[in-house]
Protein backbone atom coordinates (compact mmCIF):
# COMPACT_ATOMS: atom_id res chain seq x y z
CA ASP A 1 0.00 0.00 0.00
CA LEU A 2 0.97 3.67 -0.09
CA ASP A 3 2.35 3.77 3.46
CA GLU A 4 4.49 0.72 2.75
CA ALA A 5 5.86 2.32 -0.41
CA ARG A 6 6.66 5.50 1.49
CA PHE A 7 8.49 3.54 4.16
CA GLU A 8 10.51 1.64 1.61
CA ILE A 9 11.57 4.91 -0.06
CA LEU A 10 12.58 6.38 3.30
CA ASP A 11 14.38 3.16 4.20
CA ALA A 12 16.37 3.49 0.98
CA LEU A 13 17.27 7.08 1.92
CA ALA A 14 18.43 5.87 5.33
CA CYS A 15 20.61 3.28 3.61
CA ALA A 16 22.06 6.02 1.44
CA ALA A 17 22.84 8.11 4.52
CA GLU A 18 24.62 5.19 6.19
CA MET A 19 26.58 4.35 3.03
CA ARG A 20 28.22 7.78 3.18
CA ASP A 21 30.05 6.40 6.23
CA PRO A 22 31.25 2.90 5.22
CA ALA A 23 32.10 2.04 8.83
CA ALA A 24 28.41 2.35 9.70
CA ALA A 25 27.15 0.22 6.83
CA CYS A 26 25.19 -2.23 8.98
CA HIS A 27 24.46 0.05 11.94
CA MET A 28 20.92 0.75 10.76
CA ASN A 29 19.90 -2.91 10.76
CA ALA A 30 21.66 -3.72 14.03
CA VAL A 31 19.96 -0.83 15.86
CA GLY A 32 16.59 -1.97 14.52
CA GLU A 33 17.17 -5.53 15.69
CA LEU A 34 18.33 -4.56 19.17
CA SER A 35 15.58 -1.95 19.56
CA ALA A 36 12.91 -4.57 18.84
CA LYS A 37 14.41 -6.86 21.50
CA LEU A 38 14.57 -4.03 24.03
CA ALA A 39 10.99 -2.96 23.30
CA HIS A 40 9.77 -6.49 23.94
CA ALA A 41 11.89 -6.72 27.11
CA VAL A 42 10.36 -3.53 28.56
CA GLY A 43 6.92 -5.11 28.20
CA LEU A 44 5.59 -3.88 24.88
CA SER A 45 3.56 -6.22 22.73
CA GLY A 46 5.10 -8.18 19.89
CA ASP A 47 3.47 -5.91 17.33
CA GLU A 48 4.69 -2.77 19.11
CA ALA A 49 8.20 -4.18 19.45
CA ARG A 50 8.34 -5.08 15.77
CA MET A 51 7.13 -1.62 14.79
CA ILE A 52 9.76 0.09 16.94
CA GLY A 53 12.42 -2.19 15.52
CA ARG A 54 11.44 -1.28 12.01
CA ALA A 55 11.09 2.45 12.74
CA ALA A 56 14.47 2.44 14.50
CA ARG A 57 16.16 1.69 11.18
CA LEU A 58 15.40 5.29 10.21
CA HIS A 59 16.89 6.87 13.34
CA ASP A 60 19.80 8.46 11.45
CA ILE A 61 18.00 9.24 8.20
CA GLY A 62 18.69 12.93 8.83
CA LYS A 63 22.38 12.31 8.11
CA ILE A 64 21.43 12.55 4.47
CA GLY A 65 21.45 16.33 5.09
CA VAL A 66 24.74 16.45 7.01
CA PRO A 67 28.03 17.12 5.17
CA SER A 68 29.96 13.87 4.81
CA CYS A 69 33.16 15.40 6.18
CA THR A 70 31.31 16.20 9.41
CA GLN A 71 30.12 12.61 9.79
CA VAL A 72 33.59 11.10 9.68
CA SER A 73 35.64 13.72 11.54
CA GLY A 74 34.79 12.36 14.97
CA ASN A 75 36.24 14.35 17.84
CA ASN A 76 38.07 16.85 15.61
CA LEU A 77 35.04 19.02 14.95
CA SER A 78 34.54 22.74 15.24
CA ALA A 79 31.56 24.12 17.13
CA GLN A 80 29.88 24.82 13.79
CA GLN A 81 30.46 21.25 12.61
CA ILE A 82 29.09 19.85 15.86
CA ALA A 83 25.95 21.94 15.42
CA ALA A 84 25.59 20.67 11.83
CA GLN A 85 26.02 17.10 12.98
CA ARG A 86 23.38 17.51 15.67
CA ASP A 87 20.98 18.90 13.10
CA HIS A 88 20.54 15.38 11.71
CA THR A 89 17.86 14.91 14.37
CA LEU A 90 15.86 17.86 13.05
CA VAL A 91 16.39 16.91 9.41
CA GLY A 92 15.22 13.38 10.16
CA ALA A 93 12.12 14.61 11.96
CA ARG A 94 11.25 16.82 9.00
CA LEU A 95 11.76 14.01 6.48
CA LEU A 96 9.52 11.67 8.45
CA GLY A 97 6.98 14.22 9.67
CA GLY A 98 3.52 14.85 8.28
CA PHE A 99 2.56 11.24 7.56
CA LYS A 100 -0.59 9.64 8.98
CA SER A 101 1.05 6.23 9.30
CA THR A 102 1.65 5.19 12.92
CA LEU A 103 4.91 3.57 11.89
CA LEU A 104 6.22 6.77 10.33
CA ARG A 105 5.05 8.90 13.27
CA VAL A 106 7.04 6.61 15.57
CA ALA A 107 10.01 6.81 13.21
CA SER A 108 9.81 10.61 13.26
CA ALA A 109 9.81 10.69 17.07
CA ILE A 110 12.82 8.37 17.14
CA ALA A 111 14.77 10.39 14.57
CA HIS A 112 13.99 13.60 16.47
CA HIS A 113 14.72 12.46 20.01
CA HIS A 114 17.17 9.52 20.07
CA HIS A 115 19.95 11.84 21.29
CA GLU A 116 17.97 13.20 24.22
CA ARG A 117 19.25 12.12 27.65
CA TRP A 118 17.27 11.01 30.68
CA ASP A 119 18.76 13.83 32.78
CA GLY A 120 17.79 16.50 30.24
CA SER A 121 21.30 17.21 28.95
CA GLY A 122 20.76 15.79 25.46
CA TYR A 123 19.66 17.37 22.19
CA PRO A 124 17.91 18.81 20.24
CA ASP A 125 15.22 19.83 22.75
CA GLY A 126 16.72 19.00 26.15
CA LEU A 127 13.79 16.75 27.05
CA GLU A 128 14.03 14.98 30.40
CA GLY A 129 12.83 11.62 31.69
CA LYS A 130 9.48 10.48 30.39
CA GLU A 131 9.12 13.65 28.32
CA ILE A 132 11.25 11.71 25.84
CA PRO A 133 9.09 9.34 23.76
CA LEU A 134 9.60 5.72 24.86
CA PRO A 135 10.66 4.52 21.38
CA ALA A 136 13.42 7.15 21.36
CA ARG A 137 14.54 6.09 24.85
CA ILE A 138 14.79 2.52 23.62
CA VAL A 139 16.71 3.44 20.48
CA ALA A 140 19.11 5.60 22.51
CA VAL A 141 20.45 2.48 24.24
CA ALA A 142 20.58 0.38 21.06
CA ASP A 143 22.24 3.18 19.07
CA VAL A 144 25.01 3.88 21.58
CA PHE A 145 25.76 0.22 22.21
CA ASP A 146 26.03 -0.73 18.55
CA ALA A 147 28.03 2.39 17.67
CA LEU A 148 30.57 1.66 20.40
CA ILE A 149 31.26 -1.93 19.42
CA HIS A 150 32.16 -1.04 15.82
CA ASP A 151 35.14 0.81 14.40
CA ARG A 152 34.67 4.41 13.36
CA PRO A 153 37.12 6.49 11.30
CA TYR A 154 38.04 8.46 14.43
CA ARG A 155 38.31 5.56 16.93
CA LYS A 156 38.60 1.81 17.28
CA ALA A 157 35.69 -0.30 18.41
CA TRP A 158 35.18 -0.79 22.12
CA SER A 159 34.95 -4.31 23.44
CA PRO A 160 31.34 -5.39 24.02
CA SER A 161 32.22 -5.70 27.73
CA ALA A 162 33.26 -2.04 27.91
CA ALA A 163 30.20 -0.96 25.93
CA VAL A 164 27.91 -2.89 28.27
CA GLU A 165 29.52 -1.19 31.26
CA LEU A 166 28.92 2.25 29.74
CA ILE A 167 25.23 1.46 29.22
CA LEU A 168 24.86 0.19 32.78
CA THR A 169 26.63 3.16 34.35
CA GLY A 170 24.56 5.55 32.21
CA SER A 171 21.30 4.43 33.83
CA GLY A 172 19.46 7.44 35.23
CA THR A 173 21.72 9.98 33.54
CA HIS A 174 22.05 9.20 29.84
CA PHE A 175 19.52 6.38 29.66
CA ASP A 176 16.06 5.47 30.94
CA PRO A 177 16.64 3.14 33.95
CA ALA A 178 13.78 0.89 32.82
CA VAL A 179 15.36 0.40 29.39
CA VAL A 180 18.73 -0.31 31.00
CA GLU A 181 17.06 -2.94 33.21
CA ALA A 182 15.66 -4.51 30.04
CA PHE A 183 19.13 -4.42 28.51
CA LYS A 184 20.53 -6.15 31.61
CA SER A 185 17.99 -8.96 31.21
CA PHE A 186 19.73 -10.27 28.08
CA SER A 187 21.90 -13.29 28.83
CA TRP A 188 24.70 -12.02 26.59
CA VAL A 189 24.99 -8.87 28.73
CA GLU A 190 25.62 -10.89 31.86
CA GLN A 191 28.10 -13.14 30.05
CA ARG A 192 29.83 -10.19 28.32
CA PRO A 193 30.41 -12.08 25.04
CA GLU A 194 32.98 -10.61 22.64
CA VAL A 195 30.62 -10.70 19.66
CA SER A 196 29.15 -8.19 17.25
CA LEU A 197 25.41 -7.73 16.79
CA CYS A 198 26.04 -6.45 13.28
CA LYS A 199 25.32 -8.90 10.49
CA ALA A 200 26.73 -8.62 7.02
């Protein structure tokens, strides 16, 4: 149907955005997969979890409007470049906004707010706690974890063990404590396996 066609077009745009940074080639899929698992673990229904997992694939679609040099420069960014990089949340919300589809409304909220922090110190709107939409709070954990365990042009991948520790210690500051508790419920978190969630 029309909504499905729209989603597939937007999904293709998200793929294009990720392909501008080869190191992040499978990040989109991995974040979607982990977000669906987290959504189910926090108590959402199977249908809701699947929808969040699918919408989460579009979380960084706004990078299509960010200069490629800004995406790969890492920590060596000027204040102007940092502002441009952060604008991917607003670009993504605009790209996904205005649709009647529930899936695309969820995707828009995720794109807009997945860099908010539980303590209110995130961006773009400085939302705090449950002001942040639950799907965005879920994707925040999945996004950070998967980003950390893969190489980026400006840093080497963290070990999964170190990435797990960062998520756990970020409970109540960066991340929603309930989502972190869901993250802790996964057996691989307790075992700290040295594996990648990213699939070729």
